[in-house]
């Protein structure tokens, strides 16, 4: 609960917002309405700056209580995505004063931008434009020149729209780096690959790759061979993955160039997965782990769920499983492959992890989106207190959430339906419960009563 002074301030804020909401805008002149809109925007921006102050304070002072899961906790409390929470933490780190190990206070990383931000002069898009400008500069630009440019852009951001500021930032970047020279450290910092959001409704996914010169050179060499017409064509009865395709295969290839490149990359990854020389990941082979029911396999309908959270149509699962090792015996009979190990073993077995991939799919902490591939196995009853390594007493937890389970912190327990319930520390205003992120079907009413009658 708020202390009295804080509660009074927020009560006044709520009253002010309610007063603004009660105003009748249609009865005002256009000038007055536009001025009100400008004033409200300034207030909204200052409120965003205040919110970022709180975010920074939580990050600085809450490390012990939140166990390194600050972003996830903030996301749960104010109902934003974990990605947005991480972005706000990064913003706070750049816009708020820094403290050295000796306790000395330093100016923010973006001092001029921070001043304009706190004054309510900047929108989030203004901030993004300046951050991109700083991020994309080569590392060898003199810090004094960078500071001058940052101050100039912060000043102009108070006068320009974000799109206008972006154009100006590009021109300033050209002045600071007229020859377009970038060092190896800069290129290394820019590299990356990631999926752009979740799967689309049609099951397809869009990714974004920023490749180093080395990776592009290697991909060019690979694609020149394996993305050629007739190579790695999934439409062929026997796709050509080695040697040279015959003229019949080349002539029958109706794929576009981007499609051939996609299939060549799929062949590259497919040739590596399952290779025993790759070792193991969390006790399992480095391969695709997909969970499906026997009914789905027999009918060939529906989707399997991979340990990465990807939905795989059953026709793809059946095709991929043609040469795979199956673990159906784990589900059919516990006597054939032991998954109740009691106190004989502390670390979960490969079979137990496979069952958890099917039942939990990912971290079971409420709202957590971490897939099973990246989770640890957690004893609901702590091993040190006599907990058993039995499949009905195990669950998945990601690293940050796993570290929150401490004496006086988060606790977990199994519910009668087999799901794992997380209970927050009583001193923090956090929401407990089970995780439906990996099981959205649990939120749909029985019988799927969403269709129009």
Foldseek 3Di string as FASTA:
>chain_A
DDDPVVVVVVVVVVVVVVVVVPDDPVVDDPVVNVVVVVVVLLVVLLVVLVVLVVLQVCVVPVCVQLVPCSLVQVCQVVVDASVVSVVSNVVSQQQCWDADPVGDTHAGVLNLLNVCSNSSQADPLLVVLLVVLVLQAAPPQDPVLNNVLSNVLSVCSSPDDSVVSNVVSVVSSCVSPVPPDHDPVSLVVPFDKDWDDDADPVQDTDMDGSDDPVVVVVLVVQCVPQLQQQALDPVDPDHHPDDDGDPVSRVPRPDDSVVSSVSSVVSVVVVPFPDCVVPPQLQHGRHWQWDDDPVCQVVQADWTATLQRGTHRSVVVVVVCPPPDDDVVVVVDCVVPPQFQFLVDDAGHPSLLSVQCHVVQAAWWAPDPGGSSQWGKDFLPHVVVRTTRHSLRIHTHHPSVVSQPDVQAKHWDADPVSFIWIDGRPVDPGDIGTYCPSPVVVVQPPVNPPDDD
